[in-house]
Amino acid sequence: MKAAVINQYGAIDDVVTVTEVPTPAVGPRDVLVEARAAGVNPVDHLIIKGFMRTGDLTQPLVIGNELAGVVAGTGAEVTGFAVGDEVFARVDPRIGGAFAEYVAVDQSLVAAKPQALSFEEAASLPLVGLTAWQALTEQAKVGPGTRVLIHGGAGGVGSVAVQLAKHLGAEVVATAGADSTELVRRLGADQVVDYRAEKFDEVLSGIDVVFDTIGGPTQDRSFRVLKPGGTLVSIVPIADIEAKKAEWKVDARAFYMRPHGGQLAHLADLVASGELQPLLETTFPLDETADALRKVERGGARGKTVIRIPA
């Protein structure tokens, strides 16, 4: 089968190739998915560069972390899926493998694809959707009346988080560029701060929850807008976290999402009810995986970048 792989860690241009590799073996609990599309995320280029390595590569590593496609086979212990089902999944991060024509995924990580979505739209949702859902519900306990600030409201994670926070009953404030303000309002934000025109920490205060998808100075300044007892949740590590919690009298936590087929099925239900719509920006063919990765590496996206995989 054709797949995007690396044989060593390094810069995208130097190490990413699209080549023929063996079709993955199917374990007893695995669903073999004939992939039709795969989402591209910042974590992909971090993996390629070796920031998340567990050791040196001894064989080609198929990269990619989320996909949508059609079930082509199942292991002996699989009960919830059958050949021909349309599905989507966030793959096991220890294994990867989504940028390929076939992907073996444990059945616990798979969910039925929302019928209303194309394969490309569905492939854009698992990683960002689970990240936003777990940040808002598990890490921050967002509910009716919670005042939430979401950074990067037009980005992959942020655009989903705005919609999910609104679904949970929150008052939603988001940061975005002027060219994305109306888009983020349509997604459900009650207030949008143009981060280029004004400093969010000078115009906002009394925030219950900040969801930080950016890090750096944005993360540091976010502590200033939280009310005492508020919570900052970040997908970027927080330096000197205990000192900052004590100084600002708030809670703060960084986390990395985990795959979860049950939660993914819930997100599919929200798509079906019209409360969630993935924001798809650009697609690339599998042969141009390196171009897709470079685009995501540059940042500044309005929604997700997806790789198309022909049937």
Protein backbone atom coordinates (compact mmCIF):
# COMPACT_ATOMS: atom_id res chain seq x y z
CA MET A 1 0.00 0.00 0.00
CA LYS A 2 1.02 3.64 -0.41
CA ALA A 3 1.84 5.64 2.74
CA ALA A 4 3.68 8.73 3.95
CA VAL A 5 6.64 7.65 6.08
CA ILE A 6 9.82 8.79 7.74
CA ASN A 7 12.99 6.70 8.07
CA GLN A 8 14.65 9.14 10.45
CA TYR A 9 13.72 12.24 12.41
CA GLY A 10 14.35 15.66 10.95
CA ALA A 11 12.94 18.51 8.88
CA ILE A 12 9.83 17.77 6.81
CA ASP A 13 11.59 18.38 3.48
CA ASP A 14 14.43 16.05 4.42
CA VAL A 15 12.64 13.01 5.83
CA VAL A 16 9.02 12.73 4.64
CA THR A 17 8.45 10.46 1.64
CA VAL A 18 5.46 8.71 0.09
CA THR A 19 6.26 5.11 -0.78
CA GLU A 20 5.01 1.52 -0.80
CA VAL A 21 4.90 -0.29 2.55
CA PRO A 22 3.22 -3.50 3.74
CA THR A 23 -0.45 -3.34 4.67
CA PRO A 24 -0.68 -3.41 8.49
CA ALA A 25 -1.39 -6.63 10.29
CA VAL A 26 -4.85 -6.84 11.86
CA GLY A 27 -4.95 -7.82 15.52
CA PRO A 28 -7.96 -9.54 17.13
CA ARG A 29 -9.42 -6.21 18.33
CA ASP A 30 -8.45 -4.20 15.26
CA VAL A 31 -10.59 -2.61 12.58
CA LEU A 32 -8.80 -2.40 9.23
CA VAL A 33 -9.85 0.88 7.63
CA GLU A 34 -9.43 1.68 3.96
CA ALA A 35 -8.65 5.35 4.52
CA ARG A 36 -10.24 8.01 2.34
CA ALA A 37 -8.91 11.07 4.17
CA ALA A 38 -6.57 11.94 7.05
CA GLY A 39 -6.33 15.11 9.11
CA VAL A 40 -3.05 16.99 9.54
CA ASN A 41 -2.15 18.49 12.92
CA PRO A 42 0.75 20.37 14.56
CA VAL A 43 1.61 17.22 16.50
CA ASP A 44 2.51 15.54 13.20
CA HIS A 45 5.44 17.82 12.43
CA LEU A 46 6.58 17.60 16.06
CA ILE A 47 6.69 13.81 15.73
CA ILE A 48 8.58 14.09 12.44
CA LYS A 49 11.19 16.34 14.03
CA GLY A 50 11.71 13.87 16.89
CA PHE A 51 10.27 15.92 19.75
CA MET A 52 8.10 13.00 20.83
CA ARG A 53 10.44 10.12 20.04
CA THR A 54 10.68 7.06 22.27
CA GLY A 55 13.87 5.81 20.58
CA ASP A 56 15.62 5.65 17.23
CA LEU A 57 13.65 4.42 14.22
CA THR A 58 14.45 0.84 13.27
CA GLN A 59 11.96 0.70 10.38
CA PRO A 60 9.90 3.18 8.36
CA LEU A 61 7.32 4.97 10.52
CA VAL A 62 3.96 5.68 8.88
CA ILE A 63 2.92 9.10 10.17
CA GLY A 64 -0.52 10.61 10.77
CA ASN A 65 -2.94 10.60 13.68
CA GLU A 66 -6.57 10.76 12.49
CA LEU A 67 -8.58 9.46 9.57
CA ALA A 68 -11.92 8.60 8.03
CA GLY A 69 -12.64 5.71 5.70
CA VAL A 70 -14.42 2.42 5.09
CA VAL A 71 -13.99 -0.79 7.09
CA ALA A 72 -12.13 -3.32 4.93
CA GLY A 73 -11.66 -6.04 7.56
CA THR A 74 -12.03 -6.83 11.24
CA GLY A 75 -10.24 -8.88 13.87
CA ALA A 76 -11.80 -11.93 15.44
CA GLU A 77 -12.88 -10.07 18.61
CA VAL A 78 -14.42 -7.04 16.89
CA THR A 79 -18.17 -6.81 17.46
CA GLY A 80 -19.20 -3.23 16.78
CA PHE A 81 -18.09 -2.80 13.15
CA ALA A 82 -18.46 -4.69 9.88
CA VAL A 83 -16.92 -4.53 6.43
CA GLY A 84 -18.38 -1.61 4.51
CA ASP A 85 -19.07 0.62 7.52
CA GLU A 86 -17.99 4.24 7.17
CA VAL A 87 -15.94 5.22 10.23
CA PHE A 88 -13.54 7.78 11.64
CA ALA A 89 -10.91 7.57 14.36
CA ARG A 90 -8.07 9.17 16.22
CA VAL A 91 -5.41 6.45 16.07
CA ASP A 92 -3.26 5.29 18.97
CA PRO A 93 -0.54 7.97 19.25
CA ARG A 94 2.04 5.29 20.07
CA ILE A 95 1.41 3.73 16.66
CA GLY A 96 0.31 6.46 14.24
CA GLY A 97 -0.21 5.33 10.68
CA ALA A 98 -3.08 7.49 9.41
CA PHE A 99 -1.36 8.84 6.25
CA ALA A 100 -1.83 5.55 4.42
CA GLU A 101 -4.23 3.64 2.21
CA TYR A 102 -4.97 1.15 5.01
CA VAL A 103 -4.83 1.67 8.77
CA ALA A 104 -5.39 -0.86 11.59
CA VAL A 105 -7.09 0.76 14.59
CA ASP A 106 -8.26 -0.76 17.88
CA GLN A 107 -12.06 -0.90 17.86
CA SER A 108 -12.22 1.17 21.08
CA LEU A 109 -10.88 4.18 19.17
CA VAL A 110 -13.29 3.98 16.22
CA ALA A 111 -16.75 5.51 15.74
CA ALA A 112 -19.30 5.59 12.95
CA LYS A 113 -18.68 8.50 10.59
CA PRO A 114 -21.36 11.20 10.76
CA GLN A 115 -23.52 10.70 7.67
CA ALA A 116 -23.76 14.43 7.06
CA LEU A 117 -19.99 14.79 6.65
CA SER A 118 -17.72 14.01 3.74
CA PHE A 119 -14.71 11.80 4.44
CA GLU A 120 -12.52 14.92 4.36
CA GLU A 121 -14.70 16.73 6.89
CA ALA A 122 -14.90 13.69 9.14
CA ALA A 123 -11.12 13.16 9.05
CA SER A 124 -10.60 16.73 10.26
CA LEU A 125 -12.53 16.19 13.48
CA PRO A 126 -11.17 13.42 15.77
CA LEU A 127 -8.01 14.96 17.21
CA VAL A 128 -9.27 18.53 17.54
CA GLY A 129 -12.73 17.42 18.63
CA LEU A 130 -11.47 15.14 21.38
CA THR A 131 -8.94 17.76 22.49
CA ALA A 132 -11.60 20.44 22.83
CA TRP A 133 -14.15 18.12 24.46
CA GLN A 134 -11.73 16.78 27.05
CA ALA A 135 -10.36 20.26 27.81
CA LEU A 136 -13.79 21.76 28.38
CA THR A 137 -15.56 18.89 30.13
CA GLU A 138 -12.88 16.89 31.94
CA GLN A 139 -10.21 19.50 32.65
CA ALA A 140 -12.31 22.65 33.16
CA LYS A 141 -15.83 21.35 33.97
CA VAL A 142 -17.46 23.95 31.73
CA GLY A 143 -21.23 24.24 32.11
CA PRO A 144 -24.12 26.69 31.85
CA GLY A 145 -23.04 30.23 32.69
CA THR A 146 -19.30 29.54 32.64
CA ARG A 147 -17.45 32.46 31.03
CA VAL A 148 -14.85 30.87 28.74
CA LEU A 149 -12.04 32.50 26.76
CA ILE A 150 -10.84 30.38 23.83
CA HIS A 151 -7.62 31.41 22.12
CA GLY A 152 -7.29 30.82 18.39
CA GLY A 153 -11.03 30.66 17.78
CA ALA A 154 -10.61 30.16 14.03
CA GLY A 155 -7.98 27.44 14.30
CA GLY A 156 -8.48 23.69 14.21
CA VAL A 157 -8.93 23.14 17.95
CA GLY A 158 -10.32 26.59 18.68
CA SER A 159 -13.09 26.48 16.08
CA VAL A 160 -14.40 23.23 17.55
CA ALA A 161 -13.96 24.47 21.12
CA VAL A 162 -16.10 27.54 20.42
CA GLN A 163 -18.94 25.33 19.22
CA LEU A 164 -18.63 22.83 22.06
CA ALA A 165 -18.44 25.53 24.74
CA LYS A 166 -21.63 27.03 23.34
CA HIS A 167 -23.26 23.59 23.36
CA LEU A 168 -22.31 23.24 27.04
CA GLY A 169 -24.09 26.52 27.87
CA ALA A 170 -21.05 28.73 28.34
CA GLU A 171 -20.64 32.41 27.58
CA VAL A 172 -17.98 32.22 24.89
CA VAL A 173 -15.25 34.78 24.27
CA ALA A 174 -12.64 34.04 21.61
CA THR A 175 -9.55 35.64 20.13
CA ALA A 176 -9.11 35.73 16.36
CA GLY A 177 -7.79 37.96 13.57
CA ALA A 178 -10.04 40.60 12.05
CA ASP A 179 -10.50 38.48 8.92
CA SER A 180 -11.94 35.66 11.05
CA THR A 181 -14.14 37.64 13.43
CA GLU A 182 -17.44 37.01 11.65
CA LEU A 183 -16.60 33.34 11.14
CA VAL A 184 -15.94 32.84 14.84
CA ARG A 185 -19.18 34.63 15.72
CA ARG A 186 -21.07 32.29 13.41
CA LEU A 187 -19.49 29.35 15.22
CA GLY A 188 -21.07 30.60 18.44
CA ALA A 189 -18.77 33.12 20.10
CA ASP A 190 -20.60 35.84 22.04
CA GLN A 191 -17.57 38.14 21.86
CA VAL A 192 -14.52 38.09 19.60
CA VAL A 193 -11.34 40.02 20.40
CA ASP A 194 -9.14 40.93 17.41
CA TYR A 195 -5.77 40.01 18.87
CA ARG A 196 -3.94 42.16 16.32
CA ALA A 197 -5.90 45.33 17.13
CA GLU A 198 -6.16 45.08 20.91
CA LYS A 199 -4.58 43.23 23.79
CA PHE A 200 -7.06 40.72 25.18
CA ASP A 201 -5.68 41.09 28.71
CA GLU A 202 -6.45 44.81 28.63
CA VAL A 203 -10.08 44.45 27.53
CA LEU A 204 -11.12 41.23 29.33
CA SER A 205 -11.44 40.27 32.99
CA GLY A 206 -13.54 38.00 35.18
CA ILE A 207 -12.99 34.92 33.02
CA ASP A 208 -13.83 31.56 34.62
CA VAL A 209 -11.93 29.35 32.15
CA VAL A 210 -9.21 30.06 29.61
CA PHE A 211 -8.57 27.40 26.99
CA ASP A 212 -5.10 28.13 25.61
CA THR A 213 -4.21 26.59 22.25
CA ILE A 214 -1.23 28.87 21.56
CA GLY A 215 1.21 29.01 24.48
CA GLY A 216 4.08 31.49 24.87
CA PRO A 217 3.23 35.10 25.77
CA THR A 218 -0.47 34.46 25.10
CA GLN A 219 -0.47 31.79 27.79
CA ASP A 220 1.40 34.01 30.25
CA ARG A 221 -0.97 36.94 29.73
CA SER A 222 -4.00 34.69 30.11
CA PHE A 223 -3.49 34.44 33.87
CA ARG A 224 -4.32 38.14 34.14
CA VAL A 225 -7.87 37.76 32.85
CA LEU A 226 -8.90 34.89 35.13
CA LYS A 227 -11.01 35.56 38.18
CA PRO A 228 -9.65 34.15 41.47
CA GLY A 229 -10.40 30.44 41.50
CA GLY A 230 -10.58 30.31 37.71
CA THR A 231 -8.90 27.67 35.55
CA LEU A 232 -6.42 27.84 32.70
CA VAL A 233 -6.26 24.72 30.55
CA SER A 234 -3.56 24.52 27.89
CA ILE A 235 -2.47 22.07 25.23
CA VAL A 236 1.00 23.65 25.55
CA PRO A 237 3.22 22.97 28.59
CA ILE A 238 3.02 25.63 31.33
CA ALA A 239 6.38 26.77 32.71
CA ASP A 240 6.61 27.40 36.48
CA ILE A 241 3.04 26.20 36.83
CA GLU A 242 2.91 25.98 40.63
CA ALA A 243 4.33 29.48 41.07
CA LYS A 244 1.80 30.92 38.63
CA LYS A 245 -1.10 29.14 40.32
CA ALA A 246 -0.04 30.59 43.67
CA GLU A 247 0.58 34.09 42.31
CA TRP A 248 -2.77 34.38 40.54
CA LYS A 249 -4.79 32.17 42.94
CA VAL A 250 -6.11 30.02 40.09
CA ASP A 251 -5.90 26.46 38.85
CA ALA A 252 -3.78 25.69 35.80
CA ARG A 253 -3.14 22.48 33.93
CA ALA A 254 -1.63 21.33 30.66
CA PHE A 255 -2.86 18.11 29.10
CA TYR A 256 -2.58 15.95 26.00
CA MET A 257 -5.76 14.43 24.65
CA ARG A 258 -6.35 10.70 24.55
CA PRO A 259 -8.17 8.72 21.84
CA HIS A 260 -11.68 7.67 22.85
CA GLY A 261 -14.18 6.08 20.49
CA GLY A 262 -17.13 6.67 22.81
CA GLN A 263 -16.48 10.39 23.00
CA LEU A 264 -15.98 10.48 19.25
CA ALA A 265 -19.40 8.89 18.82
CA HIS A 266 -20.86 11.65 21.02
CA LEU A 267 -19.24 14.28 18.80
CA ALA A 268 -20.82 12.53 15.81
CA ASP A 269 -24.21 12.91 17.52
CA LEU A 270 -23.56 16.65 17.90
CA VAL A 271 -22.79 16.85 14.19
CA ALA A 272 -26.06 15.07 13.44
CA SER A 273 -27.99 17.51 15.65
CA GLY A 274 -26.40 20.50 13.94
CA GLU A 275 -24.50 21.67 17.03
CA LEU A 276 -21.04 20.90 15.62
CA GLN A 277 -19.57 21.42 12.18
CA PRO A 278 -15.88 20.85 11.42
CA LEU A 279 -14.08 23.73 9.75
CA LEU A 280 -12.15 22.46 6.74
CA GLU A 281 -9.68 24.85 5.12
CA THR A 282 -7.50 22.99 2.59
CA THR A 283 -7.00 19.50 1.17
CA PHE A 284 -3.91 17.90 -0.41
CA PRO A 285 -3.48 14.55 -2.18
CA LEU A 286 -1.48 11.85 -0.39
CA ASP A 287 1.47 12.39 -2.73
CA GLU A 288 1.71 15.97 -1.45
CA THR A 289 1.78 15.08 2.25
CA ALA A 290 4.97 17.10 2.79
CA ASP A 291 3.25 20.21 1.39
CA ALA A 292 0.31 19.68 3.76
CA LEU A 293 2.66 19.30 6.72
CA ARG A 294 4.56 22.47 5.78
CA LYS A 295 1.31 24.42 5.61
CA VAL A 296 0.29 23.32 9.10
CA GLU A 297 3.81 24.04 10.37
CA ARG A 298 3.49 27.67 9.20
CA GLY A 299 0.38 28.15 11.36
CA GLY A 300 -2.31 30.79 10.98
CA ALA A 301 -4.94 28.36 9.69
CA ARG A 302 -8.68 28.92 9.54
CA GLY A 303 -9.76 25.36 10.25
CA LYS A 304 -8.11 22.10 9.31
CA THR A 305 -5.84 20.80 6.57
CA VAL A 306 -6.70 17.30 5.30
CA ILE A 307 -5.00 14.74 3.05
CA ARG A 308 -7.17 13.03 0.42
CA ILE A 309 -6.53 9.32 -0.11
CA PRO A 310 -8.09 7.88 -3.30
CA ALA A 311 -10.12 4.68 -3.08
